[in-house]
Protein backbone atom coordinates (compact mmCIF):
# COMPACT_ATOMS: atom_id res chain seq x y z
CA MET A 1 0.49 0.31 -1.38
CA ASP A 2 -0.36 -3.37 -1.10
CA ILE A 3 -3.43 -3.51 1.15
CA ALA A 4 -3.38 -7.31 1.35
CA LYS A 5 0.18 -7.24 2.69
CA ILE A 6 -0.64 -4.45 5.16
CA LYS A 7 -3.69 -6.42 6.32
CA ILE A 8 -1.45 -9.42 7.09
CA GLU A 9 1.03 -7.20 8.95
CA LEU A 10 -1.82 -5.74 10.98
CA GLU A 11 -3.22 -9.16 11.86
CA GLU A 12 0.24 -10.25 13.03
CA LEU A 13 0.50 -7.09 15.09
CA LEU A 14 -2.84 -7.83 16.75
CA GLN A 15 -1.52 -11.26 17.74
CA ASP A 16 1.40 -9.53 19.44
CA LEU A 17 -1.05 -7.31 21.34
CA GLU A 18 -3.41 -10.06 22.54
CA GLN A 19 -1.71 -10.34 25.93
CA ILE A 20 -1.76 -6.63 26.73
CA MET A 21 -4.96 -5.25 25.18
CA ASP A 22 -8.59 -5.58 26.12
CA LYS A 23 -10.25 -8.37 24.11
CA ARG A 24 -13.24 -6.18 23.19
CA ASP A 25 -10.95 -3.52 21.79
CA LEU A 26 -9.10 -6.10 19.71
CA GLU A 27 -12.39 -7.50 18.43
CA GLN A 28 -13.47 -4.03 17.31
CA VAL A 29 -10.24 -3.57 15.38
CA LYS A 30 -10.64 -7.04 13.81
CA TYR A 31 -14.20 -6.15 12.86
CA PHE A 32 -12.95 -3.19 10.82
CA ILE A 33 -10.27 -5.34 9.21
CA GLY A 34 -12.93 -7.88 8.26
CA TYR A 35 -14.70 -5.18 6.26
CA ASN A 36 -11.41 -4.00 4.70
CA GLU A 37 -11.53 -0.75 6.66
CA ILE A 38 -7.81 -1.05 7.26
CA LYS A 39 -7.07 2.61 7.86
CA LEU A 40 -9.97 2.91 10.30
CA ALA A 41 -8.77 -0.24 12.06
CA VAL A 42 -5.29 1.20 12.56
CA GLU A 43 -6.57 4.57 13.71
CA THR A 44 -8.89 2.81 16.18
CA LEU A 45 -6.06 0.59 17.40
CA CYS A 46 -3.85 3.61 18.03
CA GLU A 47 -6.67 5.38 19.84
CA TYR A 48 -7.24 2.39 22.15
CA LEU A 49 -3.53 2.11 22.89
CA SER A 50 -3.36 5.79 23.74
CA GLU A 51 -6.56 5.91 25.81
CA ASP A 52 -5.58 2.87 27.85
CA GLU A 53 -2.00 4.14 28.19
CA ILE A 54 -0.64 0.76 27.15
CA CYS A 55 3.13 0.50 27.33
CA LEU A 56 4.57 -0.97 24.15
CA ASN A 57 7.98 -2.43 23.49
CA SER A 58 10.06 -1.00 20.66
CA THR A 59 9.28 -3.91 18.31
CA ILE A 60 5.53 -3.35 18.49
CA THR A 61 5.95 0.42 18.31
CA ASN A 62 8.05 0.05 15.16
CA LYS A 63 5.46 -2.24 13.57
CA ILE A 64 2.71 0.28 14.26
CA ASN A 65 4.83 3.10 12.86
CA GLU A 66 5.54 1.14 9.68
CA VAL A 67 1.87 0.34 9.08
CA CYS A 68 0.84 3.94 9.73
CA LEU A 69 3.43 5.26 7.31
CA LYS A 70 2.33 2.82 4.61
CA LEU A 71 -1.28 3.92 5.04
CA ASN A 72 -0.42 7.63 5.21
CA ILE A 73 -2.10 7.93 8.58
CA GLU A 74 -1.58 11.32 10.17
CA LYS A 75 0.97 11.32 12.97
CA ILE A 76 -1.54 12.65 15.48
CA TYR A 77 -2.99 9.13 15.57
CA TRP A 78 0.18 7.26 16.28
CA MET A 79 2.82 9.47 17.82
């Protein structure tokens, strides 16, 4: 698992979500990324998306799924 590559993928994903997510939520996720808490950042991101019932297109959903699989994040967080 290449954490640096996953970190870049996650940052690109956050750019895709800027128009549909709360700015404070995004900042919290970025905060975790800044401290290399990548898994926590992704779990938090998924939690925010679920709590806010944000509708995602298939491209963003696939990106989230790919990152979660690479990080071995339990499916309860992202399905």
